Amino acid sequence: MSKQRRRHGAQFKFEIAMEAAKELKTIQQLASEHGIHPNQIGQWKRQLLDQGAVVFANGSSDQQKKQEAVQSQLFEQIGRLKMEIEWLKKKVQLTALKLNGN
């Protein structure tokens, strides 16, 4: 029988990576304590150290999602306004032609 893969949550990964980054214990010790392969802990640690600055640069993902939603609403509004302006320009031209033609 094959062993089923375990899935670890983000909080668990973060805690293990932080312990590894603090270097109070070796990766081997952490691996044996938590039953995780040492390579996996090393990978989580590298990911934390490489992408840790992104947390402070972009803010939280909730804020980013809100900002993207507002931005998409604004782009939609800009598109509608552009269409209305084009429609009004055509109407003004037609009205001007009718007035000049009569």
Protein backbone atom coordinates (compact mmCIF):
# COMPACT_ATOMS: atom_id res chain seq x y z
CA MET A 1 0.00 0.00 0.00
CA SER A 2 1.15 3.48 -0.77
CA LYS A 3 1.41 6.08 1.93
CA GLN A 4 -1.02 8.97 1.50
CA ARG A 5 0.51 12.42 1.31
CA ARG A 6 -0.02 14.72 4.23
CA ARG A 7 -1.08 18.27 3.60
CA HIS A 8 0.15 20.96 5.92
CA GLY A 9 -1.56 24.27 6.47
CA ALA A 10 0.07 27.61 5.89
CA GLN A 11 0.31 28.37 9.62
CA PHE A 12 2.08 25.05 10.32
CA LYS A 13 4.54 25.65 7.47
CA PHE A 14 5.20 29.17 8.71
CA GLU A 15 5.90 28.00 12.26
CA ILE A 16 8.31 25.28 11.12
CA ALA A 17 10.07 27.67 8.72
CA MET A 18 10.42 30.25 11.50
CA GLU A 19 11.92 27.65 13.83
CA ALA A 20 14.36 26.70 11.08
CA ALA A 21 15.22 30.35 10.41
CA LYS A 22 15.91 30.99 14.10
CA GLU A 23 18.43 28.14 13.97
CA LEU A 24 17.94 27.20 17.63
CA LYS A 25 17.61 23.60 16.46
CA THR A 26 19.05 21.90 13.42
CA ILE A 27 16.85 21.06 10.49
CA GLN A 28 17.43 17.40 11.31
CA GLN A 29 16.08 17.90 14.82
CA LEU A 30 13.01 19.75 13.54
CA ALA A 31 12.42 17.06 10.94
CA SER A 32 12.49 14.26 13.49
CA GLU A 33 10.29 16.19 15.95
CA HIS A 34 7.59 16.93 13.40
CA GLY A 35 7.93 13.89 11.15
CA ILE A 36 8.77 15.93 8.07
CA HIS A 37 11.58 15.36 5.59
CA PRO A 38 14.51 17.73 6.16
CA ASN A 39 14.48 18.82 2.51
CA GLN A 40 10.89 19.98 2.95
CA ILE A 41 11.82 22.09 5.96
CA GLY A 42 14.74 23.57 4.04
CA GLN A 43 12.43 24.41 1.17
CA TRP A 44 9.92 26.13 3.49
CA LYS A 45 12.75 28.07 5.14
CA ARG A 46 14.10 29.26 1.78
CA GLN A 47 10.60 30.24 0.70
CA LEU A 48 10.07 32.23 3.90
CA LEU A 49 13.38 34.04 3.60
CA ASP A 50 12.97 34.74 -0.14
CA GLN A 51 9.37 35.88 -0.04
CA GLY A 52 9.27 37.43 3.41
CA ALA A 53 9.88 40.93 2.05
CA VAL A 54 6.81 40.62 -0.18
CA VAL A 55 4.58 40.62 2.89
CA PHE A 56 5.78 44.07 3.87
CA ALA A 57 5.99 45.42 0.32
CA ASN A 58 2.46 44.62 -0.83
CA GLY A 59 0.53 44.58 2.43
CA SER A 60 -1.98 41.86 3.08
CA SER A 61 -3.62 39.93 0.30
CA ASP A 62 -7.04 41.18 1.45
CA GLN A 63 -5.98 44.76 0.85
CA GLN A 64 -4.59 43.80 -2.54
CA LYS A 65 -7.84 42.07 -3.51
CA LYS A 66 -9.87 45.10 -2.43
CA GLN A 67 -7.60 47.39 -4.40
CA GLU A 68 -7.94 45.19 -7.51
CA ALA A 69 -11.73 45.18 -7.15
CA VAL A 70 -11.84 48.97 -6.90
CA GLN A 71 -9.50 49.25 -9.85
CA SER A 72 -11.64 46.97 -12.03
CA GLN A 73 -14.77 48.97 -11.11
CA LEU A 74 -13.00 52.19 -12.09
CA PHE A 75 -11.89 50.71 -15.41
CA GLU A 76 -15.47 49.63 -16.11
CA GLN A 77 -16.72 53.12 -15.31
CA ILE A 78 -14.08 54.67 -17.58
CA GLY A 79 -15.16 52.36 -20.39
CA ARG A 80 -18.83 53.30 -19.96
CA LEU A 81 -18.01 57.01 -19.90
CA LYS A 82 -15.92 56.71 -23.05
CA MET A 83 -18.79 54.97 -24.82
CA GLU A 84 -21.20 57.69 -23.67
CA ILE A 85 -18.86 60.42 -24.93
CA GLU A 86 -18.58 58.75 -28.34
CA TRP A 87 -22.36 58.38 -28.51
CA LEU A 88 -22.84 62.05 -27.60
CA LYS A 89 -20.28 63.14 -30.20
CA LYS A 90 -22.20 61.26 -32.89
CA LYS A 91 -25.50 62.75 -31.76
CA VAL A 92 -24.07 66.26 -31.79
CA GLN A 93 -22.69 65.73 -35.32
CA LEU A 94 -26.05 64.40 -36.55
CA THR A 95 -27.90 67.28 -34.96
CA ALA A 96 -25.48 69.79 -36.48
CA LEU A 97 -25.92 68.22 -39.92
CA LYS A 98 -29.70 68.35 -39.61
CA LEU A 99 -29.61 72.01 -38.58
CA ASN A 100 -27.21 72.96 -41.38
CA GLY A 101 -29.16 70.91 -43.92
CA ASN A 102 -32.54 72.58 -43.23
